All heavy atoms as atom14 arrays in JSON, in Angstrom:
{
  "sequence": "VQDKQEVRLSRAELLEAAGLDEETLTELEDY",
  "atom14_mask": [
    [1, 1, 1, 1, 1, 1, 1, 0, 0, 0, 0, 0, 0, 0],
    [1, 1, 1, 1, 1, 1, 1, 1, 1, 0, 0, 0, 0, 0],
    [1, 1, 1, 1, 1, 1, 1, 1, 0, 0, 0, 0, 0, 0],
    [1, 1, 1, 1, 1, 1, 1, 1, 1, 0, 0, 0, 0, 0],
    [1, 1, 1, 1, 1, 1, 1, 1, 1, 0, 0, 0, 0, 0],
    [1, 1, 1, 1, 1, 1, 1, 1, 1, 0, 0, 0, 0, 0],
    [1, 1, 1, 1, 1, 1, 1, 0, 0, 0, 0, 0, 0, 0],
    [1, 1, 1, 1, 1, 1, 1, 1, 1, 1, 1, 0, 0, 0],
    [1, 1, 1, 1, 1, 1, 1, 1, 0, 0, 0, 0, 0, 0],
    [1, 1, 1, 1, 1, 1, 0, 0, 0, 0, 0, 0, 0, 0],
    [1, 1, 1, 1, 1, 1, 1, 1, 1, 1, 1, 0, 0, 0],
    [1, 1, 1, 1, 1, 0, 0, 0, 0, 0, 0, 0, 0, 0],
    [1, 1, 1, 1, 1, 1, 1, 1, 1, 0, 0, 0, 0, 0],
    [1, 1, 1, 1, 1, 1, 1, 1, 0, 0, 0, 0, 0, 0],
    [1, 1, 1, 1, 1, 1, 1, 1, 0, 0, 0, 0, 0, 0],
    [1, 1, 1, 1, 1, 1, 1, 1, 1, 0, 0, 0, 0, 0],
    [1, 1, 1, 1, 1, 0, 0, 0, 0, 0, 0, 0, 0, 0],
    [1, 1, 1, 1, 1, 0, 0, 0, 0, 0, 0, 0, 0, 0],
    [1, 1, 1, 1, 0, 0, 0, 0, 0, 0, 0, 0, 0, 0],
    [1, 1, 1, 1, 1, 1, 1, 1, 0, 0, 0, 0, 0, 0],
    [1, 1, 1, 1, 1, 1, 1, 1, 0, 0, 0, 0, 0, 0],
    [1, 1, 1, 1, 1, 1, 1, 1, 1, 0, 0, 0, 0, 0],
    [1, 1, 1, 1, 1, 1, 1, 1, 1, 0, 0, 0, 0, 0],
    [1, 1, 1, 1, 1, 1, 1, 0, 0, 0, 0, 0, 0, 0],
    [1, 1, 1, 1, 1, 1, 1, 1, 0, 0, 0, 0, 0, 0],
    [1, 1, 1, 1, 1, 1, 1, 0, 0, 0, 0, 0, 0, 0],
    [1, 1, 1, 1, 1, 1, 1, 1, 1, 0, 0, 0, 0, 0],
    [1, 1, 1, 1, 1, 1, 1, 1, 0, 0, 0, 0, 0, 0],
    [1, 1, 1, 1, 1, 1, 1, 1, 1, 0, 0, 0, 0, 0],
    [1, 1, 1, 1, 1, 1, 1, 1, 0, 0, 0, 0, 0, 0],
    [1, 1, 1, 1, 1, 1, 1, 1, 1, 1, 1, 1, 0, 0]
  ],
  "atom14_positions": [
    [[9.78, 25.83, 14.21], [8.42, 25.4, 13.98], [7.71, 26.36, 13.02], [6.91, 25.98, 12.15], [7.64, 25.38, 15.31], [6.15, 25.11, 15.09], [8.21, 24.37, 16.26], [0.0, 0.0, 0.0], [0.0, 0.0, 0.0], [0.0, 0.0, 0.0], [0.0, 0.0, 0.0], [0.0, 0.0, 0.0], [0.0, 0.0, 0.0], [0.0, 0.0, 0.0]],
    [[8.14, 27.65, 13.11], [7.45, 28.65, 12.23], [7.89, 28.49, 10.8], [7.17, 28.78, 9.87], [7.79, 30.03, 12.74], [7.27, 30.34, 14.13], [7.61, 31.75, 14.56], [7.98, 32.57, 13.78], [7.6, 31.99, 15.86], [0.0, 0.0, 0.0], [0.0, 0.0, 0.0], [0.0, 0.0, 0.0], [0.0, 0.0, 0.0], [0.0, 0.0, 0.0]],
    [[9.17, 28.15, 10.56], [9.69, 28.05, 9.23], [9.18, 26.85, 8.53], [9.19, 25.72, 9.08], [11.22, 28.01, 9.26], [11.82, 29.31, 9.7], [11.1, 30.34, 9.63], [13.0, 29.34, 10.15], [0.0, 0.0, 0.0], [0.0, 0.0, 0.0], [0.0, 0.0, 0.0], [0.0, 0.0, 0.0], [0.0, 0.0, 0.0], [0.0, 0.0, 0.0]],
    [[8.72, 27.02, 7.32], [8.21, 25.96, 6.55], [9.35, 25.31, 5.74], [10.07, 25.93, 5.06], [7.13, 26.47, 5.54], [6.47, 25.4, 4.73], [5.45, 26.01, 3.82], [4.76, 24.97, 3.0], [3.73, 25.57, 2.08], [0.0, 0.0, 0.0], [0.0, 0.0, 0.0], [0.0, 0.0, 0.0], [0.0, 0.0, 0.0], [0.0, 0.0, 0.0]],
    [[9.47, 24.01, 5.88], [10.5, 23.3, 5.17], [10.1, 22.97, 3.75], [8.97, 22.64, 3.47], [10.78, 21.95, 5.92], [11.28, 22.16, 7.31], [12.6, 22.85, 7.39], [13.49, 22.58, 6.6], [12.72, 23.79, 8.29], [0.0, 0.0, 0.0], [0.0, 0.0, 0.0], [0.0, 0.0, 0.0], [0.0, 0.0, 0.0], [0.0, 0.0, 0.0]],
    [[11.06, 23.18, 2.84], [10.77, 22.91, 1.44], [10.6, 21.41, 1.19], [11.3, 20.58, 1.75], [11.97, 23.4, 0.59], [11.78, 23.24, -0.91], [12.93, 23.74, -1.71], [13.97, 24.08, -1.12], [12.85, 23.69, -2.95], [0.0, 0.0, 0.0], [0.0, 0.0, 0.0], [0.0, 0.0, 0.0], [0.0, 0.0, 0.0], [0.0, 0.0, 0.0]],
    [[9.58, 21.1, 0.45], [9.27, 19.69, 0.14], [10.13, 19.25, -1.04], [10.06, 19.83, -2.12], [7.77, 19.51, -0.17], [7.47, 18.08, -0.61], [6.93, 19.88, 1.05], [0.0, 0.0, 0.0], [0.0, 0.0, 0.0], [0.0, 0.0, 0.0], [0.0, 0.0, 0.0], [0.0, 0.0, 0.0], [0.0, 0.0, 0.0], [0.0, 0.0, 0.0]],
    [[10.94, 18.2, -0.84], [11.75, 17.61, -1.91], [11.69, 16.11, -1.77], [12.46, 15.55, -0.98], [13.2, 18.14, -1.86], [13.35, 19.64, -1.97], [13.12, 20.08, -3.35], [14.19, 19.66, -4.25], [14.16, 19.7, -5.58], [13.08, 20.21, -6.17], [15.17, 19.3, -6.31], [0.0, 0.0, 0.0], [0.0, 0.0, 0.0], [0.0, 0.0, 0.0]],
    [[10.78, 15.46, -2.45], [10.54, 14.06, -2.3], [11.1, 13.23, -3.43], [11.05, 13.64, -4.61], [9.03, 13.77, -2.2], [8.24, 14.5, -1.1], [6.77, 14.2, -1.24], [8.75, 14.13, 0.29], [0.0, 0.0, 0.0], [0.0, 0.0, 0.0], [0.0, 0.0, 0.0], [0.0, 0.0, 0.0], [0.0, 0.0, 0.0], [0.0, 0.0, 0.0]],
    [[11.62, 12.05, -3.07], [12.0, 11.11, -4.12], [10.7, 10.47, -4.66], [9.62, 10.65, -4.13], [12.91, 10.03, -3.51], [12.16, 9.22, -2.56], [0.0, 0.0, 0.0], [0.0, 0.0, 0.0], [0.0, 0.0, 0.0], [0.0, 0.0, 0.0], [0.0, 0.0, 0.0], [0.0, 0.0, 0.0], [0.0, 0.0, 0.0], [0.0, 0.0, 0.0]],
    [[10.85, 9.66, -5.69], [9.69, 9.0, -6.32], [9.04, 8.09, -5.25], [7.81, 8.09, -5.1], [10.13, 8.23, -7.53], [8.93, 7.7, -8.37], [9.43, 7.03, -9.66], [8.31, 6.69, -10.53], [7.72, 7.49, -11.35], [8.15, 8.76, -11.46], [6.73, 7.09, -12.13], [0.0, 0.0, 0.0], [0.0, 0.0, 0.0], [0.0, 0.0, 0.0]],
    [[9.81, 7.32, -4.55], [9.28, 6.37, -3.56], [8.58, 7.16, -2.44], [7.54, 6.73, -1.95], [10.39, 5.51, -3.0], [0.0, 0.0, 0.0], [0.0, 0.0, 0.0], [0.0, 0.0, 0.0], [0.0, 0.0, 0.0], [0.0, 0.0, 0.0], [0.0, 0.0, 0.0], [0.0, 0.0, 0.0], [0.0, 0.0, 0.0], [0.0, 0.0, 0.0]],
    [[9.16, 8.28, -2.05], [8.57, 9.07, -0.94], [7.24, 9.66, -1.42], [6.29, 9.76, -0.62], [9.56, 10.16, -0.54], [10.75, 9.64, 0.25], [11.82, 10.68, 0.46], [11.87, 11.64, -0.36], [12.64, 10.51, 1.38], [0.0, 0.0, 0.0], [0.0, 0.0, 0.0], [0.0, 0.0, 0.0], [0.0, 0.0, 0.0], [0.0, 0.0, 0.0]],
    [[7.19, 10.12, -2.66], [5.96, 10.71, -3.17], [4.83, 9.62, -3.19], [3.68, 9.89, -2.82], [6.16, 11.28, -4.55], [4.92, 11.88, -5.21], [4.44, 13.09, -4.47], [5.18, 12.24, -6.65], [0.0, 0.0, 0.0], [0.0, 0.0, 0.0], [0.0, 0.0, 0.0], [0.0, 0.0, 0.0], [0.0, 0.0, 0.0], [0.0, 0.0, 0.0]],
    [[5.21, 8.43, -3.71], [4.25, 7.34, -3.77], [3.66, 7.04, -2.38], [2.44, 6.88, -2.21], [4.87, 6.11, -4.36], [5.22, 6.17, -5.85], [6.03, 4.96, -6.24], [3.94, 6.26, -6.7], [0.0, 0.0, 0.0], [0.0, 0.0, 0.0], [0.0, 0.0, 0.0], [0.0, 0.0, 0.0], [0.0, 0.0, 0.0], [0.0, 0.0, 0.0]],
    [[4.51, 7.01, -1.4], [4.08, 6.72, -0.03], [3.26, 7.86, 0.57], [2.19, 7.63, 1.14], [5.29, 6.45, 0.86], [4.96, 6.1, 2.32], [6.15, 5.81, 3.17], [7.28, 5.83, 2.61], [5.96, 5.56, 4.33], [0.0, 0.0, 0.0], [0.0, 0.0, 0.0], [0.0, 0.0, 0.0], [0.0, 0.0, 0.0], [0.0, 0.0, 0.0]],
    [[3.71, 9.11, 0.37], [3.02, 10.28, 0.95], [1.68, 10.48, 0.33], [0.7, 10.9, 1.0], [3.86, 11.52, 0.78], [0.0, 0.0, 0.0], [0.0, 0.0, 0.0], [0.0, 0.0, 0.0], [0.0, 0.0, 0.0], [0.0, 0.0, 0.0], [0.0, 0.0, 0.0], [0.0, 0.0, 0.0], [0.0, 0.0, 0.0], [0.0, 0.0, 0.0]],
    [[1.52, 10.23, -0.99], [0.26, 10.44, -1.65], [-0.64, 9.19, -1.67], [-1.81, 9.31, -2.06], [0.53, 10.91, -3.08], [0.0, 0.0, 0.0], [0.0, 0.0, 0.0], [0.0, 0.0, 0.0], [0.0, 0.0, 0.0], [0.0, 0.0, 0.0], [0.0, 0.0, 0.0], [0.0, 0.0, 0.0], [0.0, 0.0, 0.0], [0.0, 0.0, 0.0]],
    [[-0.08, 8.07, -1.31], [-0.88, 6.85, -1.31], [-1.21, 6.35, -2.73], [-2.27, 5.77, -2.98], [0.0, 0.0, 0.0], [0.0, 0.0, 0.0], [0.0, 0.0, 0.0], [0.0, 0.0, 0.0], [0.0, 0.0, 0.0], [0.0, 0.0, 0.0], [0.0, 0.0, 0.0], [0.0, 0.0, 0.0], [0.0, 0.0, 0.0], [0.0, 0.0, 0.0]],
    [[-0.27, 6.6, -3.66], [-0.47, 6.18, -5.08], [0.36, 4.94, -5.39], [1.34, 4.66, -4.71], [-0.08, 7.31, -6.04], [-0.84, 8.64, -5.96], [-0.31, 9.61, -6.96], [-2.34, 8.39, -6.14], [0.0, 0.0, 0.0], [0.0, 0.0, 0.0], [0.0, 0.0, 0.0], [0.0, 0.0, 0.0], [0.0, 0.0, 0.0], [0.0, 0.0, 0.0]],
    [[-0.03, 4.3, -6.5], [0.84, 3.18, -6.99], [1.65, 3.7, -8.18], [1.4, 4.81, -8.71], [-0.05, 1.99, -7.41], [-1.1, 2.33, -8.45], [-0.86, 3.16, -9.33], [-2.22, 1.78, -8.32], [0.0, 0.0, 0.0], [0.0, 0.0, 0.0], [0.0, 0.0, 0.0], [0.0, 0.0, 0.0], [0.0, 0.0, 0.0], [0.0, 0.0, 0.0]],
    [[2.61, 2.95, -8.58], [3.55, 3.37, -9.61], [2.81, 3.65, -10.93], [3.13, 4.61, -11.65], [4.56, 2.24, -9.84], [5.62, 2.57, -10.9], [6.63, 3.65, -10.46], [6.96, 3.67, -9.25], [7.0, 4.45, -11.31], [0.0, 0.0, 0.0], [0.0, 0.0, 0.0], [0.0, 0.0, 0.0], [0.0, 0.0, 0.0], [0.0, 0.0, 0.0]],
    [[1.82, 2.82, -11.24], [1.1, 2.98, -12.52], [0.33, 4.34, -12.55], [0.36, 5.02, -13.57], [0.07, 1.87, -12.69], [-0.72, 1.92, -13.97], [-1.69, 0.78, -14.12], [-1.74, -0.1, -13.24], [-2.44, 0.78, -15.11], [0.0, 0.0, 0.0], [0.0, 0.0, 0.0], [0.0, 0.0, 0.0], [0.0, 0.0, 0.0], [0.0, 0.0, 0.0]],
    [[-0.27, 4.71, -11.41], [-1.0, 6.0, -11.38], [-0.07, 7.15, -11.51], [-0.37, 8.15, -12.22], [-1.81, 6.09, -10.05], [-2.73, 4.99, -9.99], [-2.58, 7.39, -10.03], [0.0, 0.0, 0.0], [0.0, 0.0, 0.0], [0.0, 0.0, 0.0], [0.0, 0.0, 0.0], [0.0, 0.0, 0.0], [0.0, 0.0, 0.0], [0.0, 0.0, 0.0]],
    [[1.09, 7.13, -10.83], [2.05, 8.19, -10.92], [2.56, 8.34, -12.34], [2.7, 9.45, -12.85], [3.17, 7.97, -9.94], [4.28, 9.03, -9.92], [3.69, 10.4, -9.72], [5.34, 8.72, -8.9], [0.0, 0.0, 0.0], [0.0, 0.0, 0.0], [0.0, 0.0, 0.0], [0.0, 0.0, 0.0], [0.0, 0.0, 0.0], [0.0, 0.0, 0.0]],
    [[2.83, 7.24, -12.96], [3.31, 7.3, -14.39], [2.28, 7.92, -15.25], [2.55, 8.75, -16.15], [3.65, 5.88, -14.85], [4.7, 5.35, -14.05], [4.08, 5.89, -16.31], [0.0, 0.0, 0.0], [0.0, 0.0, 0.0], [0.0, 0.0, 0.0], [0.0, 0.0, 0.0], [0.0, 0.0, 0.0], [0.0, 0.0, 0.0], [0.0, 0.0, 0.0]],
    [[1.0, 7.6, -15.0], [-0.13, 8.16, -15.8], [-0.17, 9.68, -15.56], [-0.38, 10.47, -16.56], [-1.44, 7.51, -15.4], [-2.61, 7.98, -16.25], [-3.91, 7.35, -15.83], [-4.05, 6.98, -14.63], [-4.83, 7.2, -16.68], [0.0, 0.0, 0.0], [0.0, 0.0, 0.0], [0.0, 0.0, 0.0], [0.0, 0.0, 0.0], [0.0, 0.0, 0.0]],
    [[-0.02, 10.12, -14.34], [-0.02, 11.55, -14.04], [1.08, 12.28, -14.83], [0.88, 13.37, -15.39], [0.19, 11.81, -12.58], [-0.99, 11.41, -11.64], [-0.57, 11.61, -10.17], [-2.21, 12.23, -11.96], [0.0, 0.0, 0.0], [0.0, 0.0, 0.0], [0.0, 0.0, 0.0], [0.0, 0.0, 0.0], [0.0, 0.0, 0.0], [0.0, 0.0, 0.0]],
    [[2.26, 11.66, -14.9], [3.36, 12.29, -15.62], [3.13, 12.25, -17.12], [3.43, 13.24, -17.85], [4.65, 11.56, -15.26], [5.07, 11.78, -13.82], [6.33, 10.99, -13.41], [6.43, 9.85, -13.82], [7.17, 11.57, -12.71], [0.0, 0.0, 0.0], [0.0, 0.0, 0.0], [0.0, 0.0, 0.0], [0.0, 0.0, 0.0], [0.0, 0.0, 0.0]],
    [[2.55, 11.17, -17.61], [2.28, 11.03, -19.07], [1.3, 12.11, -19.53], [1.4, 12.62, -20.65], [1.71, 9.65, -19.39], [2.8, 8.56, -19.27], [4.0, 8.9, -19.25], [2.43, 7.37, -19.2], [0.0, 0.0, 0.0], [0.0, 0.0, 0.0], [0.0, 0.0, 0.0], [0.0, 0.0, 0.0], [0.0, 0.0, 0.0], [0.0, 0.0, 0.0]],
    [[0.32, 12.44, -18.65], [-0.67, 13.45, -19.01], [-0.24, 14.85, -18.63], [-1.02, 15.83, -18.77], [-2.0, 13.12, -18.38], [-2.78, 12.02, -19.11], [-2.71, 10.71, -18.67], [-3.52, 12.29, -20.24], [-3.37, 9.71, -19.34], [-4.2, 11.3, -20.93], [-4.12, 10.02, -20.44], [-4.79, 9.02, -21.15], [0.0, 0.0, 0.0], [0.0, 0.0, 0.0]]
  ]
}
């Protein structure tokens, strides 16, 4: 419980965890 797990998310996992759509994520990467 004390140890913090490293976050390593796939694209689909990031979209779900952040509540973003594909278009917004692409825009974030483009900028």
